Protein backbone atom coordinates (compact mmCIF):
# COMPACT_ATOMS: atom_id res chain seq x y z
CA UNK A 1 -17.60 -23.77 25.19
CA UNK A 2 -14.11 -24.32 23.55
CA UNK A 3 -15.08 -22.07 20.47
CA UNK A 4 -16.44 -19.35 22.68
CA UNK A 5 -13.49 -19.21 25.24
CA UNK A 6 -10.99 -19.21 22.32
CA UNK A 7 -13.03 -16.52 20.35
CA UNK A 8 -12.87 -14.27 23.41
CA UNK A 9 -9.26 -15.17 24.16
CA UNK A 10 -8.52 -13.91 20.46
CA UNK A 11 -11.00 -10.87 20.46
CA UNK A 12 -9.40 -9.34 23.79
CA UNK A 13 -5.70 -10.04 22.22
CA UNK A 14 -5.13 -12.12 25.05
CA UNK A 15 -3.99 -14.88 22.94
CA UNK A 16 -2.44 -14.05 19.51
CA UNK A 17 -3.82 -15.65 16.44
CA UNK A 18 -0.60 -17.53 15.56
CA UNK A 19 -0.48 -19.22 19.04
CA UNK A 20 -4.28 -20.72 18.21
CA UNK A 21 -2.99 -22.28 14.84
CA UNK A 22 0.01 -23.91 16.87
CA UNK A 23 -2.28 -25.12 19.23
CA UNK A 24 -4.96 -26.50 16.91
CA UNK A 25 -2.21 -28.83 15.34
CA UNK A 26 -0.46 -29.63 18.60
CA UNK A 27 -0.27 -33.10 20.12
CA UNK A 28 -2.86 -32.37 22.57
CA UNK A 29 -5.23 -31.89 19.80
CA UNK A 30 -3.99 -34.82 17.67
CA UNK A 31 -6.89 -36.85 18.44
CA UNK A 32 -9.41 -34.05 18.06
CA UNK A 33 -8.23 -33.02 14.53
CA UNK A 34 -10.93 -34.70 12.84
CA UNK A 35 -13.69 -32.75 15.30
CA UNK A 36 -15.44 -30.05 13.61
CA UNK A 37 -14.86 -27.71 16.35
CA UNK A 38 -11.36 -27.49 16.02
CA UNK A 39 -11.64 -26.45 12.27
CA UNK A 40 -14.49 -23.88 13.55
CA UNK A 41 -11.84 -22.24 16.00
CA UNK A 42 -9.06 -22.21 13.18
CA UNK A 43 -11.48 -20.83 10.45
CA UNK A 44 -12.53 -18.28 13.20
CA UNK A 45 -9.23 -17.06 14.22
CA UNK A 46 -8.21 -16.71 10.46
CA UNK A 47 -11.40 -14.50 9.55
CA UNK A 48 -10.87 -12.40 12.55
CA UNK A 49 -6.83 -11.67 11.18
CA UNK A 50 -8.44 -10.86 8.07
CA UNK A 51 -10.95 -8.63 9.28
CA UNK A 52 -8.36 -6.42 11.17
CA UNK A 53 -6.42 -6.19 7.97
CA UNK A 54 -9.58 -4.90 6.10
CA UNK A 55 -10.43 -2.58 9.02
CA UNK A 56 -7.14 -1.01 8.50
CA UNK A 57 -7.04 -1.10 4.58
CA UNK A 58 -10.65 0.76 5.01
CA UNK A 59 -9.71 3.28 7.31
CA UNK A 60 -6.44 4.18 5.29
CA UNK A 61 -8.63 4.38 2.15
CA UNK A 62 -10.59 6.86 3.84
CA UNK A 63 -7.77 9.04 5.21
CA UNK A 64 -6.61 9.00 1.41
CA UNK A 65 -9.83 10.30 0.16
CA UNK A 66 -10.07 13.04 3.04
CA UNK A 67 -6.30 14.28 2.10
CA UNK A 68 -7.09 14.42 -1.47
CA UNK A 69 -10.08 16.63 -0.84
CA UNK A 70 -8.08 18.71 1.47
CA UNK A 71 -5.25 19.41 -1.18
CA UNK A 72 -8.05 20.29 -3.67
CA UNK A 73 -9.79 22.75 -1.28
CA UNK A 74 -6.47 24.44 -0.38
CA UNK A 75 -5.15 24.58 -4.18
CA UNK A 76 -8.33 26.31 -4.94
CA UNK A 77 -8.18 28.74 -1.91
CA UNK A 78 -4.63 29.40 -2.70
CA UNK A 79 -5.23 30.35 -6.27
CA UNK A 80 -6.69 33.88 -6.97
CA UNK A 81 -8.22 34.82 -10.35
CA UNK A 82 -6.17 37.96 -12.04
CA UNK A 83 -7.63 41.45 -11.53
CA UNK A 84 -10.13 42.33 -14.78
CA UNK A 85 -8.76 45.57 -16.36
CA UNK A 86 -11.39 48.04 -17.73
CA UNK A 87 -11.36 48.53 -21.41
CA UNK A 88 -10.58 52.38 -20.90
CA UNK A 89 -7.49 51.52 -18.57
CA UNK A 90 -6.30 48.95 -21.38
CA UNK A 91 -6.46 51.53 -24.08
CA UNK A 92 -4.80 54.36 -22.00
CA UNK A 93 -1.98 51.75 -21.22
CA UNK A 94 -1.62 50.84 -25.34
CA UNK A 95 -1.68 54.52 -25.71
CA UNK A 96 1.08 54.90 -23.23
CA UNK A 97 3.16 52.08 -24.83
CA UNK A 98 3.07 53.45 -28.38
CA UNK A 99 4.18 56.85 -27.34
CA UNK A 100 7.30 55.42 -25.17
CA UNK A 101 8.11 53.15 -28.03
CA UNK A 102 8.51 56.10 -30.43
CA UNK A 103 12.16 57.26 -30.94
CA UNK A 104 12.85 61.04 -30.14
CA UNK A 105 15.47 62.95 -32.37
CA UNK A 106 17.71 62.94 -29.84
CA UNK A 107 17.46 59.44 -29.17
CA UNK A 108 18.34 58.78 -32.59
CA UNK A 109 21.12 61.16 -32.86
CA UNK A 110 22.66 59.19 -29.92
CA UNK A 111 22.08 56.02 -31.34
CA UNK A 112 23.81 56.65 -34.67
CA UNK A 113 26.71 58.58 -32.84
CA UNK A 114 27.09 55.72 -30.42
CA UNK A 115 26.60 52.48 -32.07
CA UNK A 116 29.53 50.99 -29.62
CA UNK A 117 27.98 52.30 -26.63
CA UNK A 118 24.29 50.72 -27.47
CA UNK A 119 26.18 47.46 -28.08
CA UNK A 120 27.74 47.25 -24.75
CA UNK A 121 24.80 48.62 -23.16
CA UNK A 122 22.66 45.56 -25.28
CA UNK A 123 25.18 43.06 -23.93
CA UNK A 124 24.54 44.19 -20.13
CA UNK A 125 21.25 44.03 -20.53
CA UNK A 126 21.26 40.59 -21.69
CA UNK A 127 23.47 39.65 -18.90
CA UNK A 128 21.08 41.20 -16.37
CA UNK A 129 18.43 39.25 -18.07
CA UNK A 130 20.24 36.11 -17.94
CA UNK A 131 20.80 36.71 -14.00
CA UNK A 132 17.30 37.52 -13.61
CA UNK A 133 15.89 34.50 -14.89
CA UNK A 134 18.85 32.31 -13.15
CA UNK A 135 17.79 34.18 -9.88
CA UNK A 136 14.26 33.59 -10.55
CA UNK A 137 14.76 29.65 -11.00
CA UNK A 138 17.05 29.54 -7.78
CA UNK A 139 14.19 31.49 -5.86
CA UNK A 140 11.29 29.28 -7.57
CA UNK A 141 13.36 25.93 -6.39
CA UNK A 142 13.87 27.39 -2.92
CA UNK A 143 9.90 28.17 -2.37
CA UNK A 144 8.28 25.22 -0.38
CA UNK A 145 5.07 23.73 -0.56
CA UNK A 146 2.31 26.17 1.19
CA UNK A 147 2.05 25.41 4.78
CA UNK A 148 -0.60 22.75 5.88
CA UNK A 149 -3.27 23.73 8.03
CA UNK A 150 -3.98 22.15 11.25
CA UNK A 151 -6.55 19.66 10.12
CA UNK A 152 -4.60 18.58 7.06
CA UNK A 153 -1.49 18.27 9.16
CA UNK A 154 -3.49 15.87 11.87
CA UNK A 155 -4.67 13.88 8.87
CA UNK A 156 -0.94 13.56 7.21
CA UNK A 157 -0.33 12.35 11.26
CA UNK A 158 -3.42 9.94 11.23
CA UNK A 159 -2.42 8.47 7.64
CA UNK A 160 0.89 7.61 9.09
CA UNK A 161 -0.04 5.65 11.93
CA UNK A 162 -2.86 3.61 10.18
CA UNK A 163 -0.35 2.88 7.42
CA UNK A 164 2.20 1.18 10.21
CA UNK A 165 -0.87 -0.21 11.63
CA UNK A 166 -1.76 -1.92 8.26
CA UNK A 167 1.90 -3.21 7.86
CA UNK A 168 2.13 -4.76 10.92
CA UNK A 169 -1.34 -6.32 10.52
CA UNK A 170 -0.37 -7.84 7.30
CA UNK A 171 3.01 -9.06 8.17
CA UNK A 172 0.90 -10.78 11.32
CA UNK A 173 -1.50 -12.08 8.59
CA UNK A 174 1.53 -13.64 6.56
CA UNK A 175 2.73 -15.09 9.69
CA UNK A 176 -0.44 -16.98 10.30
CA UNK A 177 -1.01 -18.20 7.25
CA UNK A 178 2.57 -19.63 7.01
CA UNK A 179 1.99 -21.24 10.33
CA UNK A 180 -0.95 -22.91 9.12
CA UNK A 181 0.20 -24.27 6.08
CA UNK A 182 3.60 -25.16 7.70
CA UNK A 183 1.47 -27.10 10.64
CA UNK A 184 -0.63 -28.82 7.89
CA UNK A 185 2.45 -30.12 5.88
CA UNK A 186 4.01 -31.61 9.00
CA UNK A 187 0.75 -33.36 10.54
CA UNK A 188 0.35 -34.73 6.94
CA UNK A 189 4.01 -35.67 6.35
CA UNK A 190 4.41 -37.46 10.04
CA UNK A 191 1.16 -39.43 9.14
CA UNK A 192 2.27 -40.42 5.53
CA UNK A 193 5.73 -41.57 7.11
CA UNK A 194 3.75 -43.58 9.79
CA UNK A 195 1.78 -45.50 7.02
CA UNK A 196 4.87 -45.99 5.06
CA UNK A 197 6.58 -47.51 8.31
CA UNK A 198 3.44 -49.69 8.87
CA UNK A 199 3.04 -50.68 5.10
CA UNK A 200 -0.27 -49.20 4.82
CA UNK A 201 -1.31 -47.26 1.92
CA UNK A 202 -2.61 -44.07 3.14
CA UNK A 203 -4.88 -43.25 0.51
CA UNK A 204 -7.23 -45.97 1.84
CA UNK A 205 -7.51 -44.06 5.04
CA UNK A 206 -10.25 -41.91 5.44
CA UNK A 207 -7.95 -39.47 8.00
CA UNK A 208 -5.83 -38.56 5.14
CA UNK A 209 -8.98 -37.72 3.01
CA UNK A 210 -10.19 -35.62 5.65
CA UNK A 211 -7.22 -33.43 6.37
CA UNK A 212 -6.46 -32.84 2.59
CA UNK A 213 -10.18 -31.54 2.38
CA UNK A 214 -9.82 -29.17 4.94
CA UNK A 215 -6.41 -27.76 3.19
CA UNK A 216 -8.51 -27.21 0.12
CA UNK A 217 -10.82 -25.74 2.27
CA UNK A 218 -8.58 -23.29 3.55
CA UNK A 219 -7.29 -22.54 0.07
CA UNK A 220 -10.38 -21.96 -1.53
CA UNK A 221 -12.32 -19.92 1.51
CA UNK A 222 -9.43 -17.37 1.60
CA UNK A 223 -7.98 -17.33 -1.63
CA UNK A 224 -7.94 -13.47 -2.04
CA UNK A 225 -5.69 -13.45 0.80
CA UNK A 226 -3.61 -16.54 0.27
CA UNK A 227 -2.76 -15.44 -3.59
CA UNK A 228 -1.24 -12.00 -1.91
CA UNK A 229 1.49 -14.20 -0.76
CA UNK A 230 1.64 -17.22 -2.98
CA UNK A 231 5.37 -16.79 -3.99
CA UNK A 232 6.30 -16.72 -0.11
CA UNK A 233 4.53 -19.81 0.34
CA UNK A 234 5.90 -21.16 -2.49
CA UNK A 235 9.49 -20.74 -1.91
CA UNK A 236 9.40 -21.33 1.92
CA UNK A 237 7.05 -23.88 2.19
CA UNK A 238 5.44 -25.93 -0.96
CA UNK A 239 8.84 -26.83 -2.33
CA UNK A 240 9.56 -30.03 -3.83
CA UNK A 241 10.63 -31.77 -0.88
CA UNK A 242 7.17 -31.70 0.11
CA UNK A 243 5.13 -35.06 -0.93
CA UNK A 244 3.23 -34.92 -4.00
CA UNK A 245 -0.38 -35.70 -2.53
CA UNK A 246 0.32 -32.59 -0.35
CA UNK A 247 1.89 -30.31 -3.15
CA UNK A 248 -0.44 -31.41 -5.33
CA UNK A 249 -3.07 -29.47 -3.48
CA UNK A 250 -1.26 -26.43 -3.71
CA UNK A 251 -0.43 -26.62 -7.34
CA UNK A 252 -4.34 -27.40 -8.33
CA UNK A 253 -5.07 -23.88 -6.24
CA UNK A 254 -2.35 -21.80 -7.98
CA UNK A 255 -3.89 -23.33 -11.43
CA UNK A 256 -6.92 -21.41 -10.53
CA UNK A 257 -5.39 -18.16 -11.89
CA UNK A 258 -2.74 -19.27 -13.97
């Protein structure tokens, strides 16, 4: 009954996943920590968070594919093939070009009599060509991308919204794992200190073996998600200050992908 109730509270977002993780390791459930229903609640909560992140990731991938397809279609629509000229028109154009290229007698006289003038005109033409090229480059730089149609604009807007949701979900996911591992370390450390004060060997107690195995289970069940934030866990939680019996579990887990 407790498992179903917590599941409903998390599903309806009345209770946060991080709050459930803190509650599982609280003093109210200290005596119940070795019961299976407690770990069922914890694993169910973690899986719900993982599914939420996966849902946003899949939605973002679908939108990315739609945007790529839309961009290809728009590019194909905007690009038009050059007009095909007939053979007769091509021959006529070539003939006109040949006639224009033949210098007349007057032109030869002018070019011979005024070499200095031709040189100035050539320089002016070069300046005009350079100016035209510069203006062309400036215009090409000023040309913006073709305007998006209404459907593409809506896809871009939806993409940004889903991207923000995914980033928020990943932050919540990392926060959940941080709380879970931190609470594991706090619970185990308190037990080890208690055993030391009572002069009891903690290795001989079944309680320590049980909790250590549950910690190993969390690492193995959700290894894909944990490895995404392993550097954060190593720098913030599993430091050299942690007892070796706890730190060893994390080191063994990291060695799986070494």
